[in-house]
N, C-alpha and C. Protein backbone atom coordinates (compact mmCIF):
# COMPACT_ATOMS: atom_id res chain seq x y z
N MET A 1 14.17 13.43 -10.44
CA MET A 1 13.26 13.24 -9.33
C MET A 1 13.82 13.98 -8.12
N SER A 2 12.99 14.74 -7.47
CA SER A 2 13.38 15.48 -6.29
C SER A 2 13.60 14.54 -5.12
N LYS A 3 14.70 14.76 -4.44
CA LYS A 3 14.98 13.98 -3.23
C LYS A 3 14.55 14.73 -1.99
N LYS A 4 13.96 15.89 -2.16
CA LYS A 4 13.55 16.71 -1.03
C LYS A 4 12.56 15.95 -0.15
N ARG A 5 12.85 15.91 1.11
CA ARG A 5 11.98 15.25 2.06
C ARG A 5 11.04 16.29 2.66
N ALA A 6 9.75 16.06 2.55
CA ALA A 6 8.78 16.99 3.09
C ALA A 6 8.74 16.91 4.61
N ASP A 7 9.09 15.76 5.16
CA ASP A 7 9.00 15.56 6.59
C ASP A 7 10.15 14.65 6.99
N ARG A 8 11.17 15.20 7.57
CA ARG A 8 12.35 14.42 7.92
C ARG A 8 12.15 13.64 9.22
N ARG A 9 11.04 13.87 9.90
CA ARG A 9 10.80 13.16 11.14
C ARG A 9 10.67 11.67 10.87
N GLU A 10 11.09 10.91 11.83
CA GLU A 10 10.84 9.47 11.80
C GLU A 10 9.37 9.27 12.16
N PRO A 11 8.79 8.15 11.76
CA PRO A 11 7.43 7.89 12.21
C PRO A 11 7.38 7.95 13.73
N ALA A 12 6.29 8.44 14.26
CA ALA A 12 6.11 8.51 15.71
C ALA A 12 6.14 7.09 16.27
N GLN A 13 6.20 6.98 17.59
CA GLN A 13 6.19 5.66 18.22
C GLN A 13 5.06 4.84 17.62
N THR A 14 5.36 3.60 17.29
CA THR A 14 4.39 2.78 16.57
C THR A 14 3.88 1.62 17.41
N ARG A 15 2.71 1.14 16.99
CA ARG A 15 2.13 -0.09 17.53
C ARG A 15 1.92 -1.02 16.36
N ALA A 16 2.18 -2.29 16.56
CA ALA A 16 2.02 -3.28 15.50
C ALA A 16 0.85 -4.20 15.83
N TYR A 17 0.17 -4.63 14.78
CA TYR A 17 -0.95 -5.56 14.91
C TYR A 17 -0.79 -6.64 13.87
N VAL A 18 -0.97 -7.88 14.26
CA VAL A 18 -0.94 -9.03 13.36
C VAL A 18 -2.30 -9.70 13.48
N PHE A 19 -2.92 -9.99 12.33
CA PHE A 19 -4.29 -10.50 12.34
C PHE A 19 -4.53 -11.40 11.15
N SER A 20 -5.52 -12.23 11.28
CA SER A 20 -5.86 -13.21 10.24
C SER A 20 -6.87 -12.62 9.27
N THR A 21 -6.67 -12.89 7.98
CA THR A 21 -7.63 -12.50 6.95
C THR A 21 -7.98 -13.75 6.13
N ALA A 22 -8.88 -13.59 5.20
CA ALA A 22 -9.26 -14.70 4.31
C ALA A 22 -8.07 -15.17 3.47
N TRP A 23 -7.05 -14.36 3.32
CA TRP A 23 -5.88 -14.71 2.52
C TRP A 23 -4.70 -15.15 3.39
N GLY A 24 -4.81 -15.07 4.68
CA GLY A 24 -3.71 -15.42 5.57
C GLY A 24 -3.40 -14.29 6.52
N TRP A 25 -2.26 -14.41 7.17
CA TRP A 25 -1.87 -13.42 8.18
C TRP A 25 -1.43 -12.11 7.54
N CYS A 26 -1.86 -11.02 8.15
CA CYS A 26 -1.58 -9.66 7.68
C CYS A 26 -1.01 -8.88 8.86
N GLY A 27 -0.28 -7.82 8.59
CA GLY A 27 0.25 -6.99 9.66
C GLY A 27 0.20 -5.53 9.31
N VAL A 28 0.04 -4.71 10.34
CA VAL A 28 0.08 -3.26 10.16
C VAL A 28 0.87 -2.64 11.31
N LYS A 29 1.43 -1.48 11.01
CA LYS A 29 2.05 -0.65 12.03
C LYS A 29 1.38 0.70 11.96
N VAL A 30 1.02 1.25 13.11
CA VAL A 30 0.38 2.56 13.17
C VAL A 30 1.09 3.42 14.20
N SER A 31 1.04 4.72 13.96
CA SER A 31 1.55 5.69 14.92
C SER A 31 0.38 6.58 15.30
N ARG A 32 0.62 7.50 16.18
CA ARG A 32 -0.48 8.43 16.54
C ARG A 32 -0.84 9.34 15.36
N ARG A 33 0.09 9.47 14.38
CA ARG A 33 -0.18 10.30 13.20
C ARG A 33 -0.89 9.53 12.09
N GLY A 34 -0.81 8.19 12.11
CA GLY A 34 -1.49 7.43 11.06
C GLY A 34 -0.84 6.10 10.77
N LEU A 35 -1.28 5.51 9.67
CA LEU A 35 -0.79 4.21 9.23
C LEU A 35 0.63 4.35 8.69
N VAL A 36 1.53 3.52 9.17
CA VAL A 36 2.94 3.57 8.79
C VAL A 36 3.29 2.46 7.80
N ARG A 37 2.72 1.27 8.02
CA ARG A 37 3.12 0.12 7.21
C ARG A 37 2.02 -0.91 7.15
N VAL A 38 1.90 -1.55 5.98
CA VAL A 38 1.01 -2.70 5.79
C VAL A 38 1.84 -3.83 5.20
N VAL A 39 1.71 -5.02 5.78
CA VAL A 39 2.32 -6.21 5.21
C VAL A 39 1.17 -7.10 4.78
N ILE A 40 1.04 -7.30 3.47
CA ILE A 40 -0.13 -8.01 2.95
C ILE A 40 -0.07 -9.50 3.28
N PRO A 41 -1.23 -10.14 3.35
CA PRO A 41 -1.28 -11.56 3.68
C PRO A 41 -0.86 -12.44 2.51
N GLY A 42 -0.64 -13.69 2.86
CA GLY A 42 -0.32 -14.67 1.83
C GLY A 42 1.15 -14.83 1.56
N VAL A 43 1.98 -14.06 2.24
CA VAL A 43 3.41 -14.16 1.98
C VAL A 43 4.23 -14.45 3.24
N TYR A 44 3.70 -14.14 4.40
CA TYR A 44 4.40 -14.40 5.66
C TYR A 44 3.46 -15.08 6.63
N GLY A 45 4.02 -15.92 7.48
CA GLY A 45 3.25 -16.53 8.54
C GLY A 45 3.16 -15.60 9.74
N ARG A 46 2.36 -16.00 10.70
CA ARG A 46 2.12 -15.18 11.89
C ARG A 46 3.42 -14.85 12.62
N GLU A 47 4.25 -15.84 12.87
CA GLU A 47 5.47 -15.60 13.63
C GLU A 47 6.47 -14.75 12.85
N GLU A 48 6.53 -14.95 11.53
CA GLU A 48 7.40 -14.09 10.71
C GLU A 48 6.96 -12.64 10.82
N LEU A 49 5.65 -12.41 10.75
CA LEU A 49 5.13 -11.04 10.88
C LEU A 49 5.45 -10.45 12.24
N ARG A 50 5.29 -11.23 13.27
CA ARG A 50 5.59 -10.75 14.63
C ARG A 50 7.06 -10.32 14.72
N ARG A 51 7.96 -11.13 14.18
CA ARG A 51 9.39 -10.77 14.21
C ARG A 51 9.65 -9.53 13.36
N MET A 52 9.03 -9.47 12.19
CA MET A 52 9.24 -8.37 11.26
C MET A 52 8.74 -7.03 11.81
N LEU A 53 7.57 -7.05 12.45
CA LEU A 53 6.95 -5.81 12.91
C LEU A 53 7.34 -5.42 14.33
N GLY A 54 7.96 -6.31 15.06
CA GLY A 54 8.33 -6.00 16.43
C GLY A 54 7.22 -6.37 17.39
N ALA A 55 7.27 -5.80 18.56
CA ALA A 55 6.30 -6.12 19.60
C ALA A 55 4.88 -5.88 19.09
N VAL A 56 4.06 -6.89 19.18
CA VAL A 56 2.68 -6.80 18.69
C VAL A 56 1.77 -6.34 19.81
N SER A 57 0.95 -5.35 19.51
CA SER A 57 0.03 -4.77 20.49
C SER A 57 -1.19 -5.66 20.67
N THR A 58 -1.74 -5.57 21.84
CA THR A 58 -3.00 -6.24 22.13
C THR A 58 -4.03 -5.15 22.39
N GLY A 59 -5.25 -5.53 22.53
CA GLY A 59 -6.28 -4.54 22.78
C GLY A 59 -6.99 -4.16 21.49
N GLU A 60 -7.67 -3.04 21.55
CA GLU A 60 -8.48 -2.61 20.41
C GLU A 60 -7.62 -2.33 19.18
N GLN A 61 -8.02 -2.93 18.07
CA GLN A 61 -7.28 -2.76 16.83
C GLN A 61 -7.79 -1.52 16.09
N PRO A 62 -6.92 -0.88 15.32
CA PRO A 62 -7.36 0.28 14.54
C PRO A 62 -8.35 -0.14 13.44
N ALA A 63 -9.15 0.81 12.98
CA ALA A 63 -10.19 0.55 11.97
C ALA A 63 -9.61 -0.05 10.69
N VAL A 64 -8.36 0.26 10.37
CA VAL A 64 -7.76 -0.26 9.13
C VAL A 64 -7.69 -1.78 9.16
N VAL A 65 -7.63 -2.39 10.32
CA VAL A 65 -7.60 -3.86 10.42
C VAL A 65 -8.89 -4.44 9.84
N LYS A 66 -10.03 -3.91 10.26
CA LYS A 66 -11.32 -4.39 9.73
C LYS A 66 -11.40 -4.13 8.23
N SER A 67 -10.95 -2.96 7.79
CA SER A 67 -10.99 -2.64 6.35
C SER A 67 -10.14 -3.62 5.55
N LEU A 68 -8.97 -3.98 6.04
CA LEU A 68 -8.12 -4.94 5.33
C LEU A 68 -8.75 -6.33 5.33
N CYS A 69 -9.35 -6.72 6.45
CA CYS A 69 -10.04 -8.02 6.50
C CYS A 69 -11.18 -8.04 5.48
N ASP A 70 -11.93 -6.95 5.41
CA ASP A 70 -13.02 -6.85 4.43
C ASP A 70 -12.47 -6.95 3.01
N TYR A 71 -11.39 -6.22 2.73
CA TYR A 71 -10.81 -6.24 1.39
C TYR A 71 -10.45 -7.67 0.97
N PHE A 72 -9.76 -8.38 1.82
CA PHE A 72 -9.32 -9.73 1.46
C PHE A 72 -10.46 -10.75 1.50
N ALA A 73 -11.61 -10.34 2.02
CA ALA A 73 -12.81 -11.18 1.95
C ALA A 73 -13.61 -10.86 0.68
N GLY A 74 -13.09 -9.96 -0.16
CA GLY A 74 -13.73 -9.65 -1.43
C GLY A 74 -14.72 -8.51 -1.35
N LYS A 75 -14.71 -7.76 -0.26
CA LYS A 75 -15.61 -6.60 -0.12
C LYS A 75 -14.86 -5.35 -0.54
N ARG A 76 -15.61 -4.26 -0.74
CA ARG A 76 -15.01 -2.98 -1.11
C ARG A 76 -14.96 -2.06 0.10
N PRO A 77 -13.93 -2.13 0.89
CA PRO A 77 -13.86 -1.26 2.06
C PRO A 77 -13.41 0.15 1.70
N SER A 78 -13.66 1.05 2.61
CA SER A 78 -13.13 2.40 2.48
C SER A 78 -11.86 2.47 3.32
N PHE A 79 -10.81 2.97 2.74
CA PHE A 79 -9.56 3.14 3.47
C PHE A 79 -9.37 4.61 3.79
N ASP A 80 -10.31 5.15 4.53
CA ASP A 80 -10.25 6.54 4.92
C ASP A 80 -9.46 6.65 6.22
N VAL A 81 -8.15 6.44 6.10
CA VAL A 81 -7.27 6.46 7.27
C VAL A 81 -6.13 7.43 7.01
N PRO A 82 -5.69 8.15 8.04
CA PRO A 82 -4.52 9.02 7.85
C PRO A 82 -3.27 8.16 7.69
N LEU A 83 -2.33 8.68 6.91
CA LEU A 83 -1.07 7.98 6.67
C LEU A 83 0.06 8.74 7.34
N ASP A 84 1.00 8.03 7.91
CA ASP A 84 2.21 8.61 8.47
C ASP A 84 3.33 8.26 7.50
N LEU A 85 3.64 9.19 6.60
CA LEU A 85 4.63 8.94 5.55
C LEU A 85 5.93 9.70 5.81
N ALA A 86 6.29 9.82 7.08
CA ALA A 86 7.54 10.49 7.44
C ALA A 86 8.70 9.82 6.71
N GLY A 87 9.59 10.65 6.19
CA GLY A 87 10.77 10.12 5.50
C GLY A 87 10.60 9.93 4.01
N HIS A 88 9.42 10.12 3.47
CA HIS A 88 9.20 9.99 2.03
C HIS A 88 9.31 11.37 1.38
N THR A 89 9.70 11.38 0.11
CA THR A 89 9.87 12.64 -0.60
C THR A 89 8.52 13.28 -0.92
N ASP A 90 8.56 14.56 -1.25
CA ASP A 90 7.35 15.26 -1.68
C ASP A 90 6.73 14.55 -2.88
N PHE A 91 7.59 14.15 -3.83
CA PHE A 91 7.10 13.47 -5.02
C PHE A 91 6.41 12.15 -4.64
N GLU A 92 7.05 11.36 -3.80
CA GLU A 92 6.44 10.09 -3.38
C GLU A 92 5.09 10.32 -2.71
N ARG A 93 5.02 11.32 -1.85
CA ARG A 93 3.76 11.62 -1.17
C ARG A 93 2.67 12.00 -2.19
N ALA A 94 3.04 12.80 -3.19
CA ALA A 94 2.08 13.19 -4.22
C ALA A 94 1.61 11.96 -4.99
N VAL A 95 2.53 11.08 -5.32
CA VAL A 95 2.18 9.84 -6.03
C VAL A 95 1.25 8.99 -5.17
N TYR A 96 1.57 8.83 -3.89
CA TYR A 96 0.73 8.00 -3.01
C TYR A 96 -0.68 8.59 -2.89
N ARG A 97 -0.77 9.91 -2.78
CA ARG A 97 -2.10 10.55 -2.71
C ARG A 97 -2.90 10.27 -3.98
N GLU A 98 -2.23 10.39 -5.14
CA GLU A 98 -2.92 10.17 -6.41
C GLU A 98 -3.32 8.71 -6.58
N VAL A 99 -2.44 7.79 -6.27
CA VAL A 99 -2.74 6.37 -6.41
C VAL A 99 -3.86 5.97 -5.44
N ALA A 100 -3.90 6.57 -4.27
CA ALA A 100 -4.97 6.27 -3.30
C ALA A 100 -6.35 6.65 -3.85
N ARG A 101 -6.38 7.55 -4.83
CA ARG A 101 -7.66 7.96 -5.44
C ARG A 101 -8.14 6.99 -6.52
N LEU A 102 -7.30 6.05 -6.94
CA LEU A 102 -7.72 5.12 -8.00
C LEU A 102 -8.89 4.28 -7.51
N PRO A 103 -9.97 4.26 -8.27
CA PRO A 103 -11.15 3.49 -7.84
C PRO A 103 -10.88 1.99 -7.80
N TYR A 104 -11.56 1.33 -6.91
CA TYR A 104 -11.51 -0.12 -6.77
C TYR A 104 -11.77 -0.76 -8.13
N GLY A 105 -10.92 -1.71 -8.52
CA GLY A 105 -11.10 -2.42 -9.78
C GLY A 105 -10.62 -1.70 -11.02
N ARG A 106 -10.11 -0.49 -10.89
CA ARG A 106 -9.62 0.29 -12.03
C ARG A 106 -8.11 0.39 -11.97
N THR A 107 -7.50 0.60 -13.10
CA THR A 107 -6.05 0.75 -13.16
C THR A 107 -5.68 2.06 -13.86
N ALA A 108 -4.45 2.46 -13.69
CA ALA A 108 -3.88 3.62 -14.40
C ALA A 108 -2.42 3.27 -14.68
N SER A 109 -1.88 3.88 -15.72
CA SER A 109 -0.48 3.60 -16.07
C SER A 109 0.45 4.47 -15.23
N TYR A 110 1.70 4.02 -15.17
CA TYR A 110 2.73 4.78 -14.47
C TYR A 110 2.82 6.20 -15.06
N GLY A 111 2.76 6.28 -16.40
CA GLY A 111 2.82 7.58 -17.06
C GLY A 111 1.63 8.46 -16.74
N GLU A 112 0.45 7.85 -16.65
CA GLU A 112 -0.75 8.62 -16.31
C GLU A 112 -0.63 9.20 -14.90
N ILE A 113 -0.13 8.42 -13.97
CA ILE A 113 0.06 8.93 -12.60
C ILE A 113 1.08 10.06 -12.62
N ALA A 114 2.15 9.91 -13.38
CA ALA A 114 3.16 10.96 -13.47
C ALA A 114 2.54 12.26 -13.98
N ARG A 115 1.70 12.16 -15.01
CA ARG A 115 1.03 13.37 -15.53
C ARG A 115 0.10 13.98 -14.49
N ARG A 116 -0.62 13.14 -13.78
CA ARG A 116 -1.58 13.64 -12.77
C ARG A 116 -0.90 14.39 -11.63
N VAL A 117 0.35 14.04 -11.33
CA VAL A 117 1.07 14.75 -10.26
C VAL A 117 1.95 15.87 -10.80
N GLY A 118 1.75 16.19 -12.09
CA GLY A 118 2.46 17.32 -12.67
C GLY A 118 3.89 17.02 -13.09
N ARG A 119 4.22 15.75 -13.30
CA ARG A 119 5.56 15.37 -13.70
C ARG A 119 5.52 14.45 -14.92
N PRO A 120 4.99 14.94 -16.05
CA PRO A 120 4.97 14.10 -17.25
C PRO A 120 6.38 13.64 -17.59
N GLY A 121 6.49 12.43 -18.01
CA GLY A 121 7.81 11.89 -18.31
C GLY A 121 8.48 11.22 -17.12
N ALA A 122 7.83 11.23 -15.98
CA ALA A 122 8.44 10.65 -14.77
C ALA A 122 7.84 9.28 -14.43
N ALA A 123 7.47 8.52 -15.47
CA ALA A 123 6.85 7.22 -15.23
C ALA A 123 7.77 6.29 -14.42
N ARG A 124 9.05 6.30 -14.73
CA ARG A 124 9.98 5.44 -13.97
C ARG A 124 10.04 5.86 -12.52
N ALA A 125 10.02 7.16 -12.27
CA ALA A 125 10.04 7.65 -10.89
C ALA A 125 8.77 7.22 -10.15
N VAL A 126 7.65 7.19 -10.86
CA VAL A 126 6.42 6.68 -10.25
C VAL A 126 6.61 5.21 -9.89
N GLY A 127 7.22 4.43 -10.78
CA GLY A 127 7.51 3.03 -10.49
C GLY A 127 8.39 2.87 -9.26
N THR A 128 9.38 3.73 -9.13
CA THR A 128 10.25 3.69 -7.96
C THR A 128 9.46 4.02 -6.69
N ALA A 129 8.58 5.03 -6.78
CA ALA A 129 7.74 5.37 -5.62
C ALA A 129 6.85 4.19 -5.25
N MET A 130 6.29 3.52 -6.27
CA MET A 130 5.43 2.36 -6.00
C MET A 130 6.22 1.26 -5.30
N ALA A 131 7.47 1.06 -5.71
CA ALA A 131 8.31 0.04 -5.08
C ALA A 131 8.59 0.37 -3.62
N ARG A 132 8.54 1.64 -3.25
CA ARG A 132 8.79 2.07 -1.87
C ARG A 132 7.50 2.23 -1.07
N ASN A 133 6.36 1.96 -1.67
CA ASN A 133 5.07 2.15 -1.01
C ASN A 133 5.00 1.33 0.29
N PRO A 134 4.91 2.00 1.43
CA PRO A 134 4.88 1.26 2.69
C PRO A 134 3.49 0.76 3.08
N VAL A 135 2.47 1.20 2.35
CA VAL A 135 1.10 0.86 2.74
C VAL A 135 0.29 0.30 1.56
N PRO A 136 0.76 -0.83 1.00
CA PRO A 136 0.02 -1.41 -0.13
C PRO A 136 -1.42 -1.73 0.27
N ILE A 137 -2.29 -1.82 -0.69
CA ILE A 137 -3.73 -2.00 -0.60
C ILE A 137 -4.37 -0.67 -0.22
N VAL A 138 -3.93 -0.03 0.86
CA VAL A 138 -4.46 1.29 1.23
C VAL A 138 -4.05 2.30 0.17
N VAL A 139 -2.80 2.29 -0.24
CA VAL A 139 -2.34 2.98 -1.44
C VAL A 139 -2.15 1.85 -2.45
N PRO A 140 -3.15 1.64 -3.32
CA PRO A 140 -3.21 0.43 -4.14
C PRO A 140 -2.24 0.41 -5.31
N CYS A 141 -0.97 0.23 -5.01
CA CYS A 141 0.07 0.24 -6.05
C CYS A 141 -0.14 -0.89 -7.06
N HIS A 142 -0.88 -1.92 -6.69
CA HIS A 142 -1.16 -3.02 -7.63
C HIS A 142 -2.03 -2.55 -8.79
N ARG A 143 -2.69 -1.40 -8.65
CA ARG A 143 -3.55 -0.86 -9.71
C ARG A 143 -2.77 -0.03 -10.72
N VAL A 144 -1.47 0.13 -10.52
CA VAL A 144 -0.65 0.91 -11.45
C VAL A 144 0.07 -0.07 -12.37
N ILE A 145 -0.17 0.10 -13.68
CA ILE A 145 0.32 -0.84 -14.68
C ILE A 145 1.07 -0.10 -15.78
N ARG A 146 1.65 -0.86 -16.70
CA ARG A 146 2.35 -0.26 -17.84
C ARG A 146 1.35 0.35 -18.82
N SER A 147 1.81 1.25 -19.63
CA SER A 147 0.93 1.92 -20.60
C SER A 147 0.42 0.96 -21.66
N ASP A 148 1.13 -0.16 -21.89
CA ASP A 148 0.68 -1.13 -22.88
C ASP A 148 -0.30 -2.16 -22.29
N GLY A 149 -0.68 -1.95 -21.03
CA GLY A 149 -1.62 -2.86 -20.37
C GLY A 149 -0.95 -3.99 -19.62
N GLY A 150 0.38 -4.13 -19.77
CA GLY A 150 1.11 -5.14 -19.01
C GLY A 150 1.16 -4.79 -17.54
N LEU A 151 1.42 -5.78 -16.72
CA LEU A 151 1.40 -5.56 -15.28
C LEU A 151 2.51 -4.64 -14.78
N GLY A 152 3.66 -4.66 -15.41
CA GLY A 152 4.79 -3.94 -14.85
C GLY A 152 5.33 -4.74 -13.68
N GLY A 153 6.06 -4.10 -12.81
CA GLY A 153 6.64 -4.80 -11.67
C GLY A 153 5.74 -4.78 -10.45
N PHE A 154 6.16 -5.54 -9.45
CA PHE A 154 5.49 -5.53 -8.15
C PHE A 154 6.53 -5.99 -7.16
N SER A 155 6.96 -5.09 -6.29
CA SER A 155 8.10 -5.37 -5.42
C SER A 155 7.77 -6.21 -4.20
N LEU A 156 6.50 -6.40 -3.91
CA LEU A 156 6.14 -7.19 -2.74
C LEU A 156 6.40 -8.66 -2.98
N ARG A 157 6.59 -9.37 -1.91
CA ARG A 157 6.81 -10.81 -2.02
C ARG A 157 5.65 -11.43 -2.78
N GLY A 158 5.97 -12.27 -3.72
CA GLY A 158 4.93 -12.84 -4.59
C GLY A 158 4.97 -12.21 -5.96
N GLY A 159 5.62 -11.04 -6.07
CA GLY A 159 5.83 -10.38 -7.35
C GLY A 159 4.57 -10.16 -8.17
N THR A 160 4.73 -10.24 -9.49
CA THR A 160 3.60 -9.95 -10.37
C THR A 160 2.47 -10.96 -10.24
N ALA A 161 2.76 -12.17 -9.77
CA ALA A 161 1.67 -13.14 -9.53
C ALA A 161 0.74 -12.62 -8.45
N MET A 162 1.31 -11.98 -7.42
CA MET A 162 0.48 -11.40 -6.35
C MET A 162 -0.29 -10.20 -6.90
N LYS A 163 0.35 -9.37 -7.73
CA LYS A 163 -0.32 -8.22 -8.32
C LYS A 163 -1.52 -8.69 -9.14
N GLN A 164 -1.32 -9.72 -9.93
CA GLN A 164 -2.40 -10.27 -10.75
C GLN A 164 -3.53 -10.81 -9.88
N LYS A 165 -3.18 -11.46 -8.79
CA LYS A 165 -4.18 -12.02 -7.88
C LYS A 165 -5.02 -10.91 -7.24
N LEU A 166 -4.38 -9.80 -6.85
CA LEU A 166 -5.10 -8.67 -6.26
C LEU A 166 -6.05 -8.03 -7.29
N LEU A 167 -5.57 -7.86 -8.51
CA LEU A 167 -6.42 -7.29 -9.56
C LEU A 167 -7.59 -8.22 -9.87
N ALA A 168 -7.37 -9.52 -9.87
CA ALA A 168 -8.44 -10.49 -10.12
C ALA A 168 -9.49 -10.43 -9.02
N LEU A 169 -9.05 -10.28 -7.76
CA LEU A 169 -9.99 -10.14 -6.65
C LEU A 169 -10.92 -8.95 -6.88
N GLU A 170 -10.35 -7.83 -7.30
CA GLU A 170 -11.14 -6.62 -7.52
C GLU A 170 -12.06 -6.76 -8.74
N ARG A 171 -11.60 -7.43 -9.79
CA ARG A 171 -12.46 -7.62 -10.98
C ARG A 171 -13.69 -8.44 -10.64
N GLN A 172 -13.58 -9.36 -9.70
CA GLN A 172 -14.72 -10.19 -9.31
C GLN A 172 -15.84 -9.36 -8.68
N ARG A 173 -15.50 -8.21 -8.12
CA ARG A 173 -16.46 -7.39 -7.37
C ARG A 173 -16.84 -6.11 -8.07
N THR A 174 -16.37 -5.88 -9.30
CA THR A 174 -16.70 -4.62 -9.97
C THR A 174 -17.93 -4.77 -10.82
C-alpha cells in the first residue's frame, strides 16, 4: 500500500457543529475546503461530542447537517458535499471516492472496492482505509462487507452491531 500523501496540508481551520438526530446526537467538523469529520449518533452524548470536536459553532449549519438528519430519519439524502481529506493517502482518497459511489442500500466487498480502484488483491488495505474513514455515512464504509457476505469489521463505536443497524435502516427504505 502506498503511503504517499496526496495533500500534506492539515485541514483548514475548522468549525464544529453538534446536533440532534432521530438516533441521538451527531457531530461534524467542516473547513472552508469541505467536510473533515463526522461522528455518528447513538454512541456519544451532546457534551462528549462538544469536548471531542472542540468549540462548537453557532449560526447557520452546513447542508450536510440536514442531510445527516434526513439519513437517520430513514430518508435517502444526497451527500453532495466536498470533502477535506488532507493527510490521507492517494489510495485512501481513491477508496473513499469509490465507496461514496455505492448506492443507498447496496453493498460491495472489500475485494471489489480494491479492484475498482485498480488494486486487485488489496482488500485488506481497503479495510484499513475504511477504518480510517473520517466521514462515515457520507463515505458509507458500513456498506463494505466481506466477500462471503459477512459484515467484516467496523471501527466506529458500536462495532459490527452499529454496522448492522445502519444496513438495516437502509434495507427498510430500498
